[in-house]
Amino acid sequence: MHIVRSGAADRFDSLVSELGQNPVEIMAAVGLSAAQFRDPDTYLAYPRLAELLEEAAARCQQPLFGALLAERQNLQSLGDLPMLVSRAETVGEALVRVNDFLYLHSSGVTLNMTPQDDWVRLSLSIDVHSERGIAQLMQLSVSHLAMFIASLLDIEASHFSLHLTQHASFEAEQSAFAQQNKLRFGDKFDGILLKASLLNAKNHQDE
């Protein structure tokens, strides 16, 4: 079974409380406990995290829960991953190394790089089965990808549009949050687009 660092769900409890629900009850509903989130380097079964996010989205009646959670996080949510690619001189080299170390943060995730004219499509594949789906997990993961790439380039993650294959209600799609955070639903891939020329840019994680 694939596993993931509990740090990926950093700020979960505060967001759920902010949305008027009980985080401990939601954790218990999917077989998790608050103790499993005290150390961000504790590993959880990946499907459990997916179920936790879906349960929270349902109870909080918030279809953008995964993206909202990521907005409250910082690079520490990715653990040692940024540091492990810090020796790469360029952004392109760092991206090539990412898949070698991704398992330390979450196994079952693959970063794919696909040339697309003057761009490179950076897409995520998540090999996790959850009966409730992985829509919230994908929102969170694509947001993490944007955060990570932004750190390599020393820019804000808000620079990127977040492309998602999942569909959203008209209300969610047109919400101020979705517009402000450039969420693009019903797309052909889960990830972001990066200008190909930026692969040769200096990797700022080495600073």
N, C-alpha and C. Protein backbone atom coordinates (compact mmCIF):
# COMPACT_ATOMS: atom_id res chain seq x y z
N MET A 1 0.84 -1.20 0.00
CA MET A 1 0.00 0.00 0.00
C MET A 1 0.87 1.25 0.00
N HIS A 2 0.48 2.25 -0.75
CA HIS A 2 1.24 3.49 -0.81
C HIS A 2 1.03 4.31 0.46
N ILE A 3 2.07 5.07 0.81
CA ILE A 3 2.02 5.87 2.04
C ILE A 3 2.36 7.33 1.73
N VAL A 4 2.02 8.19 2.69
CA VAL A 4 2.26 9.62 2.52
C VAL A 4 2.57 10.23 3.89
N ARG A 5 3.41 11.26 3.91
CA ARG A 5 3.71 11.95 5.16
C ARG A 5 2.45 12.68 5.65
N SER A 6 2.22 12.61 6.96
CA SER A 6 1.05 13.30 7.50
C SER A 6 1.20 14.81 7.35
N GLY A 7 2.44 15.29 7.18
CA GLY A 7 2.68 16.72 6.98
C GLY A 7 2.00 17.27 5.75
N ALA A 8 1.64 16.38 4.82
CA ALA A 8 0.92 16.81 3.61
C ALA A 8 -0.43 17.42 3.98
N ALA A 9 -0.95 17.04 5.15
CA ALA A 9 -2.25 17.55 5.59
C ALA A 9 -2.10 18.62 6.67
N ASP A 10 -0.95 19.27 6.72
CA ASP A 10 -0.71 20.33 7.70
C ASP A 10 -1.84 21.37 7.63
N ARG A 11 -2.26 21.86 8.79
CA ARG A 11 -3.33 22.86 8.92
C ARG A 11 -4.74 22.29 8.67
N PHE A 12 -4.83 20.97 8.54
CA PHE A 12 -6.14 20.35 8.32
C PHE A 12 -7.11 20.72 9.44
N ASP A 13 -6.64 20.56 10.68
CA ASP A 13 -7.53 20.80 11.82
C ASP A 13 -8.02 22.24 11.87
N SER A 14 -7.12 23.19 11.60
CA SER A 14 -7.53 24.59 11.69
C SER A 14 -8.51 24.96 10.57
N LEU A 15 -8.31 24.41 9.37
CA LEU A 15 -9.24 24.70 8.27
C LEU A 15 -10.62 24.12 8.55
N VAL A 16 -10.66 22.87 9.02
CA VAL A 16 -11.95 22.23 9.33
C VAL A 16 -12.68 23.02 10.41
N SER A 17 -11.95 23.43 11.45
CA SER A 17 -12.56 24.22 12.53
C SER A 17 -13.09 25.54 11.99
N GLU A 18 -12.31 26.15 11.12
CA GLU A 18 -12.71 27.43 10.50
C GLU A 18 -14.01 27.28 9.71
N LEU A 19 -14.19 26.09 9.12
CA LEU A 19 -15.39 25.82 8.33
C LEU A 19 -16.54 25.27 9.17
N GLY A 20 -16.34 25.27 10.50
CA GLY A 20 -17.44 24.95 11.40
C GLY A 20 -17.64 23.48 11.73
N GLN A 21 -16.62 22.64 11.45
CA GLN A 21 -16.75 21.22 11.74
C GLN A 21 -15.67 20.77 12.73
N ASN A 22 -15.80 19.52 13.19
CA ASN A 22 -14.87 18.97 14.19
C ASN A 22 -13.83 18.10 13.50
N PRO A 23 -12.56 18.53 13.47
CA PRO A 23 -11.53 17.76 12.77
C PRO A 23 -11.29 16.37 13.35
N VAL A 24 -11.40 16.23 14.67
CA VAL A 24 -11.16 14.94 15.31
C VAL A 24 -12.23 13.93 14.90
N GLU A 25 -13.48 14.39 14.81
CA GLU A 25 -14.57 13.52 14.37
C GLU A 25 -14.37 13.06 12.93
N ILE A 26 -13.90 13.96 12.08
CA ILE A 26 -13.69 13.62 10.68
C ILE A 26 -12.54 12.62 10.56
N MET A 27 -11.49 12.82 11.34
CA MET A 27 -10.37 11.86 11.34
C MET A 27 -10.87 10.48 11.77
N ALA A 28 -11.64 10.45 12.85
CA ALA A 28 -12.14 9.17 13.38
C ALA A 28 -13.04 8.47 12.36
N ALA A 29 -13.79 9.24 11.59
CA ALA A 29 -14.72 8.66 10.62
C ALA A 29 -14.00 7.86 9.54
N VAL A 30 -12.73 8.18 9.29
CA VAL A 30 -11.96 7.44 8.27
C VAL A 30 -10.86 6.58 8.89
N GLY A 31 -10.95 6.38 10.22
CA GLY A 31 -10.01 5.49 10.89
C GLY A 31 -8.67 6.10 11.23
N LEU A 32 -8.63 7.43 11.38
CA LEU A 32 -7.38 8.10 11.75
C LEU A 32 -7.57 8.79 13.09
N SER A 33 -6.45 9.20 13.71
CA SER A 33 -6.53 9.91 14.98
C SER A 33 -5.63 11.14 14.93
N ALA A 34 -5.92 12.10 15.80
CA ALA A 34 -5.14 13.34 15.84
C ALA A 34 -3.67 13.06 16.13
N ALA A 35 -3.40 12.01 16.91
CA ALA A 35 -2.02 11.68 17.28
C ALA A 35 -1.15 11.39 16.05
N GLN A 36 -1.77 10.87 14.99
CA GLN A 36 -1.02 10.54 13.78
C GLN A 36 -0.56 11.78 13.01
N PHE A 37 -1.05 12.94 13.41
CA PHE A 37 -0.70 14.18 12.70
C PHE A 37 0.23 15.07 13.52
N ARG A 38 0.62 14.62 14.71
CA ARG A 38 1.47 15.47 15.56
C ARG A 38 2.87 15.60 14.99
N ASP A 39 3.40 14.50 14.46
CA ASP A 39 4.72 14.52 13.83
C ASP A 39 4.50 14.51 12.32
N PRO A 40 4.93 15.58 11.61
CA PRO A 40 4.67 15.65 10.17
C PRO A 40 5.35 14.54 9.37
N ASP A 41 6.33 13.86 9.98
CA ASP A 41 7.03 12.79 9.28
C ASP A 41 6.45 11.40 9.57
N THR A 42 5.31 11.36 10.27
CA THR A 42 4.59 10.10 10.45
C THR A 42 3.93 9.74 9.12
N TYR A 43 4.01 8.46 8.76
CA TYR A 43 3.41 8.05 7.48
C TYR A 43 2.00 7.51 7.68
N LEU A 44 1.13 7.87 6.74
CA LEU A 44 -0.25 7.39 6.73
C LEU A 44 -0.47 6.57 5.46
N ALA A 45 -1.45 5.69 5.49
CA ALA A 45 -1.84 5.00 4.26
C ALA A 45 -2.43 6.05 3.32
N TYR A 46 -1.93 6.10 2.10
CA TYR A 46 -2.34 7.14 1.15
C TYR A 46 -3.86 7.17 0.91
N PRO A 47 -4.51 5.99 0.75
CA PRO A 47 -5.97 6.02 0.56
C PRO A 47 -6.71 6.66 1.73
N ARG A 48 -6.14 6.54 2.95
CA ARG A 48 -6.78 7.14 4.13
C ARG A 48 -6.76 8.67 4.03
N LEU A 49 -5.63 9.20 3.54
CA LEU A 49 -5.55 10.65 3.37
C LEU A 49 -6.59 11.12 2.34
N ALA A 50 -6.70 10.35 1.25
CA ALA A 50 -7.70 10.69 0.22
C ALA A 50 -9.10 10.70 0.83
N GLU A 51 -9.40 9.67 1.64
CA GLU A 51 -10.72 9.57 2.26
C GLU A 51 -10.95 10.70 3.27
N LEU A 52 -9.89 11.05 4.00
CA LEU A 52 -9.99 12.14 4.98
C LEU A 52 -10.38 13.45 4.29
N LEU A 53 -9.73 13.74 3.19
CA LEU A 53 -10.01 14.99 2.47
C LEU A 53 -11.42 14.99 1.87
N GLU A 54 -11.85 13.83 1.36
CA GLU A 54 -13.21 13.74 0.79
C GLU A 54 -14.26 13.88 1.89
N GLU A 55 -14.00 13.24 3.03
CA GLU A 55 -14.94 13.33 4.16
C GLU A 55 -15.05 14.78 4.63
N ALA A 56 -13.90 15.45 4.71
CA ALA A 56 -13.90 16.85 5.15
C ALA A 56 -14.64 17.74 4.16
N ALA A 57 -14.40 17.51 2.87
CA ALA A 57 -15.07 18.32 1.84
C ALA A 57 -16.58 18.16 1.93
N ALA A 58 -17.03 16.92 2.18
CA ALA A 58 -18.47 16.64 2.28
C ALA A 58 -19.07 17.29 3.52
N ARG A 59 -18.43 17.09 4.67
CA ARG A 59 -18.99 17.61 5.92
C ARG A 59 -18.95 19.14 5.96
N CYS A 60 -17.89 19.70 5.39
CA CYS A 60 -17.74 21.17 5.39
C CYS A 60 -18.48 21.81 4.22
N GLN A 61 -19.03 20.94 3.35
CA GLN A 61 -19.73 21.42 2.15
C GLN A 61 -18.84 22.39 1.37
N GLN A 62 -17.58 21.96 1.19
CA GLN A 62 -16.60 22.79 0.52
C GLN A 62 -15.90 21.97 -0.58
N PRO A 63 -16.37 22.09 -1.83
CA PRO A 63 -15.80 21.29 -2.93
C PRO A 63 -14.37 21.65 -3.31
N LEU A 64 -13.86 22.76 -2.77
CA LEU A 64 -12.48 23.17 -3.05
C LEU A 64 -11.60 22.98 -1.82
N PHE A 65 -11.97 22.02 -0.98
CA PHE A 65 -11.27 21.82 0.30
C PHE A 65 -9.77 21.59 0.09
N GLY A 66 -9.40 20.73 -0.86
CA GLY A 66 -7.99 20.42 -1.07
C GLY A 66 -7.17 21.64 -1.43
N ALA A 67 -7.71 22.48 -2.31
CA ALA A 67 -7.02 23.70 -2.73
C ALA A 67 -6.97 24.71 -1.59
N LEU A 68 -8.05 24.79 -0.81
CA LEU A 68 -8.07 25.70 0.34
C LEU A 68 -7.03 25.29 1.38
N LEU A 69 -6.88 23.98 1.58
CA LEU A 69 -5.90 23.48 2.54
C LEU A 69 -4.49 23.86 2.09
N ALA A 70 -4.20 23.65 0.82
CA ALA A 70 -2.86 23.98 0.29
C ALA A 70 -2.55 25.46 0.45
N GLU A 71 -3.58 26.31 0.32
CA GLU A 71 -3.37 27.75 0.42
C GLU A 71 -2.86 28.13 1.81
N ARG A 72 -3.21 27.34 2.82
CA ARG A 72 -2.81 27.63 4.19
C ARG A 72 -1.46 27.03 4.55
N GLN A 73 -0.87 26.30 3.63
CA GLN A 73 0.39 25.61 3.90
C GLN A 73 1.59 26.35 3.31
N ASN A 74 2.78 25.86 3.66
CA ASN A 74 4.00 26.38 3.06
C ASN A 74 4.87 25.21 2.63
N LEU A 75 6.08 25.51 2.19
CA LEU A 75 6.96 24.49 1.63
C LEU A 75 7.28 23.36 2.61
N GLN A 76 7.14 23.64 3.92
CA GLN A 76 7.42 22.61 4.92
C GLN A 76 6.48 21.43 4.80
N SER A 77 5.34 21.64 4.17
CA SER A 77 4.39 20.54 3.96
C SER A 77 4.98 19.44 3.08
N LEU A 78 6.01 19.80 2.31
CA LEU A 78 6.65 18.83 1.41
C LEU A 78 7.86 18.15 2.05
N GLY A 79 8.10 18.42 3.33
CA GLY A 79 9.20 17.76 4.03
C GLY A 79 10.56 18.09 3.45
N ASP A 80 11.39 17.06 3.26
CA ASP A 80 12.77 17.26 2.79
C ASP A 80 12.89 17.37 1.28
N LEU A 81 11.79 17.23 0.56
CA LEU A 81 11.85 17.20 -0.90
C LEU A 81 12.59 18.40 -1.51
N PRO A 82 12.28 19.65 -1.11
CA PRO A 82 13.00 20.78 -1.68
C PRO A 82 14.50 20.72 -1.42
N MET A 83 14.88 20.31 -0.21
CA MET A 83 16.30 20.23 0.15
C MET A 83 17.02 19.14 -0.66
N LEU A 84 16.32 18.06 -0.95
CA LEU A 84 16.94 16.94 -1.66
C LEU A 84 17.27 17.24 -3.12
N VAL A 85 16.62 18.25 -3.68
CA VAL A 85 16.95 18.63 -5.07
C VAL A 85 17.78 19.90 -5.12
N SER A 86 18.25 20.34 -3.96
CA SER A 86 18.96 21.63 -3.90
C SER A 86 20.30 21.62 -4.63
N ARG A 87 20.89 20.46 -4.85
CA ARG A 87 22.19 20.41 -5.53
C ARG A 87 22.07 20.55 -7.04
N ALA A 88 20.87 20.40 -7.56
CA ALA A 88 20.67 20.56 -9.00
C ALA A 88 20.90 22.03 -9.36
N GLU A 89 21.64 22.27 -10.42
CA GLU A 89 21.97 23.65 -10.80
C GLU A 89 20.80 24.36 -11.47
N THR A 90 20.02 23.62 -12.25
CA THR A 90 18.91 24.25 -12.97
C THR A 90 17.57 23.65 -12.55
N VAL A 91 16.51 24.36 -12.91
CA VAL A 91 15.16 23.88 -12.62
C VAL A 91 14.92 22.54 -13.32
N GLY A 92 15.39 22.42 -14.55
CA GLY A 92 15.22 21.17 -15.30
C GLY A 92 15.87 19.99 -14.61
N GLU A 93 17.10 20.19 -14.11
CA GLU A 93 17.81 19.12 -13.39
C GLU A 93 17.05 18.75 -12.12
N ALA A 94 16.55 19.75 -11.42
CA ALA A 94 15.80 19.49 -10.19
C ALA A 94 14.56 18.64 -10.47
N LEU A 95 13.88 18.94 -11.58
CA LEU A 95 12.67 18.19 -11.92
C LEU A 95 12.99 16.75 -12.29
N VAL A 96 14.13 16.53 -12.93
CA VAL A 96 14.53 15.17 -13.28
C VAL A 96 14.77 14.36 -12.01
N ARG A 97 15.29 15.02 -10.97
CA ARG A 97 15.61 14.32 -9.72
C ARG A 97 14.39 14.08 -8.84
N VAL A 98 13.35 14.84 -9.06
CA VAL A 98 12.19 14.77 -8.17
C VAL A 98 11.66 13.35 -8.00
N ASN A 99 11.49 12.63 -9.09
CA ASN A 99 10.91 11.29 -9.00
C ASN A 99 11.78 10.32 -8.20
N ASP A 100 13.09 10.63 -8.09
CA ASP A 100 13.98 9.78 -7.28
C ASP A 100 13.67 9.92 -5.80
N PHE A 101 13.11 11.07 -5.42
CA PHE A 101 12.91 11.34 -3.99
C PHE A 101 11.45 11.45 -3.57
N LEU A 102 10.54 11.44 -4.53
CA LEU A 102 9.12 11.63 -4.21
C LEU A 102 8.60 10.62 -3.20
N TYR A 103 9.15 9.40 -3.24
CA TYR A 103 8.65 8.35 -2.35
C TYR A 103 8.84 8.71 -0.88
N LEU A 104 9.81 9.60 -0.59
CA LEU A 104 10.05 10.00 0.79
C LEU A 104 8.91 10.87 1.32
N HIS A 105 8.21 11.52 0.41
CA HIS A 105 7.06 12.34 0.80
C HIS A 105 5.77 11.54 0.61
N SER A 106 5.64 10.94 -0.56
CA SER A 106 4.45 10.13 -0.84
C SER A 106 4.76 9.13 -1.94
N SER A 107 4.59 7.86 -1.61
CA SER A 107 4.78 6.83 -2.64
C SER A 107 3.50 6.74 -3.45
N GLY A 108 3.63 6.34 -4.70
CA GLY A 108 2.44 6.24 -5.53
C GLY A 108 2.20 7.47 -6.39
N VAL A 109 3.08 8.48 -6.25
CA VAL A 109 2.96 9.70 -7.06
C VAL A 109 4.10 9.76 -8.07
N THR A 110 3.79 10.12 -9.29
CA THR A 110 4.80 10.28 -10.34
C THR A 110 4.62 11.64 -11.00
N LEU A 111 5.75 12.33 -11.21
CA LEU A 111 5.73 13.59 -11.94
C LEU A 111 6.13 13.32 -13.38
N ASN A 112 5.28 13.69 -14.31
CA ASN A 112 5.55 13.48 -15.74
C ASN A 112 5.84 14.82 -16.41
N MET A 113 6.85 14.83 -17.29
CA MET A 113 7.20 16.04 -18.05
C MET A 113 6.95 15.78 -19.53
N THR A 114 6.09 16.58 -20.13
CA THR A 114 5.71 16.40 -21.54
C THR A 114 5.87 17.71 -22.30
N PRO A 115 6.77 17.76 -23.31
CA PRO A 115 6.92 18.99 -24.11
C PRO A 115 5.62 19.33 -24.83
N GLN A 116 5.30 20.60 -24.88
CA GLN A 116 4.06 21.06 -25.52
C GLN A 116 4.35 22.43 -26.15
N ASP A 117 4.82 22.41 -27.40
CA ASP A 117 5.24 23.65 -28.08
C ASP A 117 6.33 24.35 -27.27
N ASP A 118 6.08 25.59 -26.86
CA ASP A 118 7.08 26.34 -26.09
C ASP A 118 6.93 26.11 -24.59
N TRP A 119 6.14 25.13 -24.25
CA TRP A 119 5.85 24.85 -22.84
C TRP A 119 6.24 23.42 -22.48
N VAL A 120 6.26 23.15 -21.19
CA VAL A 120 6.42 21.78 -20.69
C VAL A 120 5.24 21.53 -19.76
N ARG A 121 4.54 20.45 -20.04
CA ARG A 121 3.42 20.07 -19.18
C ARG A 121 3.96 19.24 -18.03
N LEU A 122 3.78 19.72 -16.81
CA LEU A 122 4.19 18.99 -15.61
C LEU A 122 2.92 18.41 -15.00
N SER A 123 2.74 17.12 -15.14
CA SER A 123 1.50 16.50 -14.67
C SER A 123 1.77 15.43 -13.63
N LEU A 124 0.81 15.25 -12.74
CA LEU A 124 0.93 14.26 -11.67
C LEU A 124 0.06 13.05 -11.95
N SER A 125 0.61 11.88 -11.67
CA SER A 125 -0.16 10.63 -11.67
C SER A 125 -0.16 10.12 -10.24
N ILE A 126 -1.32 9.82 -9.70
CA ILE A 126 -1.42 9.31 -8.33
C ILE A 126 -2.06 7.93 -8.37
N ASP A 127 -1.29 6.92 -8.01
CA ASP A 127 -1.74 5.54 -8.06
C ASP A 127 -2.38 5.16 -6.72
N VAL A 128 -3.50 5.76 -6.43
CA VAL A 128 -4.20 5.52 -5.17
C VAL A 128 -5.67 5.26 -5.46
N HIS A 129 -6.17 4.16 -4.92
CA HIS A 129 -7.60 3.86 -5.11
C HIS A 129 -8.36 4.21 -3.84
N SER A 130 -9.38 5.01 -4.02
CA SER A 130 -10.28 5.33 -2.92
C SER A 130 -11.70 5.29 -3.49
N GLU A 131 -12.58 4.61 -2.79
CA GLU A 131 -13.96 4.49 -3.28
C GLU A 131 -14.63 5.86 -3.45
N ARG A 132 -14.16 6.83 -2.69
CA ARG A 132 -14.76 8.16 -2.75
C ARG A 132 -14.05 9.06 -3.76
N GLY A 133 -13.04 8.50 -4.42
CA GLY A 133 -12.31 9.30 -5.40
C GLY A 133 -11.14 10.05 -4.78
N ILE A 134 -10.41 10.75 -5.62
CA ILE A 134 -9.22 11.47 -5.13
C ILE A 134 -9.24 12.94 -5.59
N ALA A 135 -10.43 13.48 -5.80
CA ALA A 135 -10.53 14.87 -6.29
C ALA A 135 -9.85 15.86 -5.34
N GLN A 136 -10.12 15.73 -4.04
CA GLN A 136 -9.53 16.67 -3.08
C GLN A 136 -8.02 16.45 -2.96
N LEU A 137 -7.62 15.19 -2.99
CA LEU A 137 -6.19 14.87 -2.94
C LEU A 137 -5.46 15.46 -4.14
N MET A 138 -6.09 15.41 -5.30
CA MET A 138 -5.46 15.97 -6.50
C MET A 138 -5.39 17.49 -6.44
N GLN A 139 -6.43 18.12 -5.91
CA GLN A 139 -6.36 19.57 -5.72
C GLN A 139 -5.16 19.94 -4.85
N LEU A 140 -5.02 19.22 -3.74
CA LEU A 140 -3.92 19.47 -2.82
C LEU A 140 -2.58 19.21 -3.49
N SER A 141 -2.47 18.11 -4.21
CA SER A 141 -1.19 17.70 -4.81
C SER A 141 -0.75 18.64 -5.93
N VAL A 142 -1.68 19.06 -6.78
CA VAL A 142 -1.33 20.00 -7.86
C VAL A 142 -0.94 21.35 -7.26
N SER A 143 -1.60 21.74 -6.18
CA SER A 143 -1.22 22.97 -5.48
C SER A 143 0.18 22.84 -4.90
N HIS A 144 0.49 21.68 -4.35
CA HIS A 144 1.85 21.43 -3.83
C HIS A 144 2.87 21.50 -4.96
N LEU A 145 2.52 20.96 -6.12
CA LEU A 145 3.43 21.00 -7.27
C LEU A 145 3.73 22.45 -7.65
N ALA A 146 2.70 23.28 -7.72
CA ALA A 146 2.90 24.69 -8.05
C ALA A 146 3.78 25.38 -7.02
N MET A 147 3.56 25.05 -5.74
CA MET A 147 4.35 25.62 -4.66
C MET A 147 5.82 25.23 -4.79
N PHE A 148 6.05 23.97 -5.13
CA PHE A 148 7.40 23.44 -5.27
C PHE A 148 8.13 24.09 -6.46
N ILE A 149 7.46 24.14 -7.62
CA ILE A 149 8.07 24.73 -8.81
C ILE A 149 8.35 26.21 -8.57
N ALA A 150 7.43 26.89 -7.91
CA ALA A 150 7.62 28.31 -7.60
C ALA A 150 8.85 28.52 -6.72
N SER A 151 9.09 27.59 -5.79
CA SER A 151 10.26 27.72 -4.92
C SER A 151 11.56 27.55 -5.70
N LEU A 152 11.54 26.70 -6.73
CA LEU A 152 12.73 26.52 -7.56
C LEU A 152 13.05 27.79 -8.35
N LEU A 153 12.00 28.50 -8.73
CA LEU A 153 12.14 29.70 -9.55
C LEU A 153 12.18 30.99 -8.73
N ASP A 154 11.93 30.86 -7.43
CA ASP A 154 11.87 32.02 -6.53
C ASP A 154 10.77 33.00 -6.96
N ILE A 155 9.59 32.45 -7.24
CA ILE A 155 8.43 33.27 -7.58
C ILE A 155 7.26 32.80 -6.72
N GLU A 156 6.13 33.48 -6.83
CA GLU A 156 4.93 33.09 -6.08
C GLU A 156 4.20 31.96 -6.81
N ALA A 157 3.65 31.03 -6.05
CA ALA A 157 2.91 29.90 -6.65
C ALA A 157 1.68 30.39 -7.41
N SER A 158 1.18 31.56 -7.05
CA SER A 158 0.00 32.12 -7.71
C SER A 158 0.27 32.47 -9.17
N HIS A 159 1.53 32.41 -9.57
CA HIS A 159 1.92 32.65 -10.97
C HIS A 159 1.32 31.59 -11.89
N PHE A 160 1.09 30.39 -11.35
CA PHE A 160 0.66 29.25 -12.17
C PHE A 160 -0.85 29.03 -12.12
N SER A 161 -1.41 28.64 -13.26
CA SER A 161 -2.77 28.10 -13.28
C SER A 161 -2.69 26.65 -12.85
N LEU A 162 -3.70 26.18 -12.12
CA LEU A 162 -3.74 24.79 -11.66
C LEU A 162 -4.73 24.03 -12.54
N HIS A 163 -4.22 23.13 -13.37
CA HIS A 163 -5.05 22.38 -14.31
C HIS A 163 -5.51 21.08 -13.65
N LEU A 164 -6.80 20.82 -13.70
CA LEU A 164 -7.39 19.64 -13.05
C LEU A 164 -8.35 18.94 -14.00
N THR A 165 -8.26 17.61 -14.08
CA THR A 165 -9.18 16.86 -14.94
C THR A 165 -10.57 16.76 -14.32
N GLN A 166 -10.66 16.89 -13.01
CA GLN A 166 -11.95 16.79 -12.33
C GLN A 166 -12.86 17.94 -12.74
N HIS A 167 -14.15 17.69 -12.64
CA HIS A 167 -15.13 18.74 -12.95
C HIS A 167 -15.65 19.33 -11.64
N ALA A 168 -16.11 20.55 -11.72
CA ALA A 168 -16.64 21.23 -10.54
C ALA A 168 -17.98 21.84 -10.89
N SER A 169 -18.76 22.12 -9.87
CA SER A 169 -20.05 22.79 -10.10
C SER A 169 -19.77 24.19 -10.64
N PHE A 170 -20.77 24.76 -11.29
CA PHE A 170 -20.61 26.12 -11.84
C PHE A 170 -20.26 27.10 -10.72
N GLU A 171 -20.92 26.92 -9.56
CA GLU A 171 -20.68 27.83 -8.43
C GLU A 171 -19.23 27.75 -7.96
N ALA A 172 -18.71 26.52 -7.84
CA ALA A 172 -17.32 26.34 -7.39
C ALA A 172 -16.34 26.90 -8.42
N GLU A 173 -16.63 26.63 -9.69
CA GLU A 173 -15.74 27.06 -10.76
C GLU A 173 -15.67 28.58 -10.86
N GLN A 174 -16.80 29.23 -10.61
CA GLN A 174 -16.87 30.69 -10.73
C GLN A 174 -16.62 31.41 -9.41
N SER A 175 -16.33 30.66 -8.36
CA SER A 175 -16.12 31.29 -7.05
C SER A 175 -14.88 32.19 -7.08
N ALA A 176 -14.88 33.17 -6.19
CA ALA A 176 -13.76 34.10 -6.12
C ALA A 176 -12.45 33.36 -5.87
N PHE A 177 -12.52 32.32 -5.00
CA PHE A 177 -11.30 31.56 -4.68
C PHE A 177 -10.76 30.85 -5.92
N ALA A 178 -11.63 30.18 -6.67
CA ALA A 178 -11.20 29.45 -7.86
C ALA A 178 -10.62 30.39 -8.91
N GLN A 179 -11.24 31.55 -9.07
CA GLN A 179 -10.76 32.52 -10.05
C GLN A 179 -9.42 33.11 -9.62
N GLN A 180 -9.35 33.47 -8.36
CA GLN A 180 -8.13 34.09 -7.83
C GLN A 180 -6.95 33.12 -7.88
N ASN A 181 -7.21 31.83 -7.65
CA ASN A 181 -6.14 30.84 -7.61
C ASN A 181 -5.98 30.11 -8.95
N LYS A 182 -6.68 30.60 -9.97
CA LYS A 182 -6.53 30.09 -11.34
C LYS A 182 -6.75 28.58 -11.43
N LEU A 183 -7.84 28.11 -10.83
CA LEU A 183 -8.19 26.69 -10.92
C LEU A 183 -8.89 26.44 -12.25
N ARG A 184 -8.36 25.52 -13.03
CA ARG A 184 -8.91 25.22 -14.35
C ARG A 184 -9.46 23.79 -14.34
N PHE A 185 -10.78 23.66 -14.23
CA PHE A 185 -11.41 22.35 -14.12
C PHE A 185 -11.73 21.77 -15.49
N GLY A 186 -11.90 20.44 -15.54
CA GLY A 186 -12.27 19.76 -16.78
C GLY A 186 -11.18 19.82 -17.83
N ASP A 187 -9.94 19.89 -17.38
CA ASP A 187 -8.81 19.97 -18.31
C ASP A 187 -8.32 18.57 -18.68
N LYS A 188 -7.28 18.53 -19.51
CA LYS A 188 -6.79 17.24 -20.01
C LYS A 188 -5.73 16.61 -19.12
N PHE A 189 -5.28 17.34 -18.11
CA PHE A 189 -4.23 16.80 -17.23
C PHE A 189 -4.34 17.44 -15.86
N ASP A 190 -3.64 16.83 -14.89
CA ASP A 190 -3.58 17.36 -13.53
C ASP A 190 -2.17 17.89 -13.29
N GLY A 191 -2.02 19.19 -13.28
CA GLY A 191 -0.68 19.74 -13.10
C GLY A 191 -0.61 21.20 -13.50
N ILE A 192 0.57 21.61 -13.95
CA ILE A 192 0.79 23.00 -14.35
C ILE A 192 1.56 23.04 -15.67
N LEU A 193 1.56 24.20 -16.31
CA LEU A 193 2.36 24.42 -17.51
C LEU A 193 3.51 25.35 -17.16
N LEU A 194 4.69 25.00 -17.65
CA LEU A 194 5.90 25.78 -17.39
C LEU A 194 6.54 26.13 -18.73
N LYS A 195 6.96 27.38 -18.89
CA LYS A 195 7.65 27.75 -20.12
C LYS A 195 8.91 26.92 -20.24
N ALA A 196 9.12 26.31 -21.41
CA ALA A 196 10.26 25.41 -21.61
C ALA A 196 11.59 26.11 -21.32
N SER A 197 11.67 27.39 -21.62
CA SER A 197 12.92 28.14 -21.40
C SER A 197 13.30 28.20 -19.92
N LEU A 198 12.31 28.05 -19.03
CA LEU A 198 12.59 28.12 -17.60
C LEU A 198 13.27 26.87 -17.06
N LEU A 199 13.32 25.80 -17.87
CA LEU A 199 14.03 24.59 -17.43
C LEU A 199 15.52 24.89 -17.26
N ASN A 200 16.00 25.89 -17.98
CA ASN A 200 17.42 26.26 -17.87
C ASN A 200 17.67 27.33 -16.81
N ALA A 201 16.61 27.76 -16.14
CA ALA A 201 16.76 28.79 -15.11
C ALA A 201 17.48 28.22 -13.90
N LYS A 202 18.12 29.11 -13.15
CA LYS A 202 18.84 28.71 -11.95
C LYS A 202 17.88 28.14 -10.92
N ASN A 203 18.30 27.08 -10.26
CA ASN A 203 17.52 26.47 -9.19
C ASN A 203 17.77 27.26 -7.91
N HIS A 204 16.76 27.95 -7.42
CA HIS A 204 16.93 28.79 -6.23
C HIS A 204 16.88 27.99 -4.94
N GLN A 205 16.60 26.69 -5.01
CA GLN A 205 16.63 25.87 -3.79
C GLN A 205 18.06 25.63 -3.31
N ASP A 206 19.05 26.01 -4.13
CA ASP A 206 20.43 25.77 -3.71
C ASP A 206 20.96 26.94 -2.90
N GLU A 207 20.11 27.89 -2.57
CA GLU A 207 20.56 29.08 -1.83
C GLU A 207 20.33 28.92 -0.34
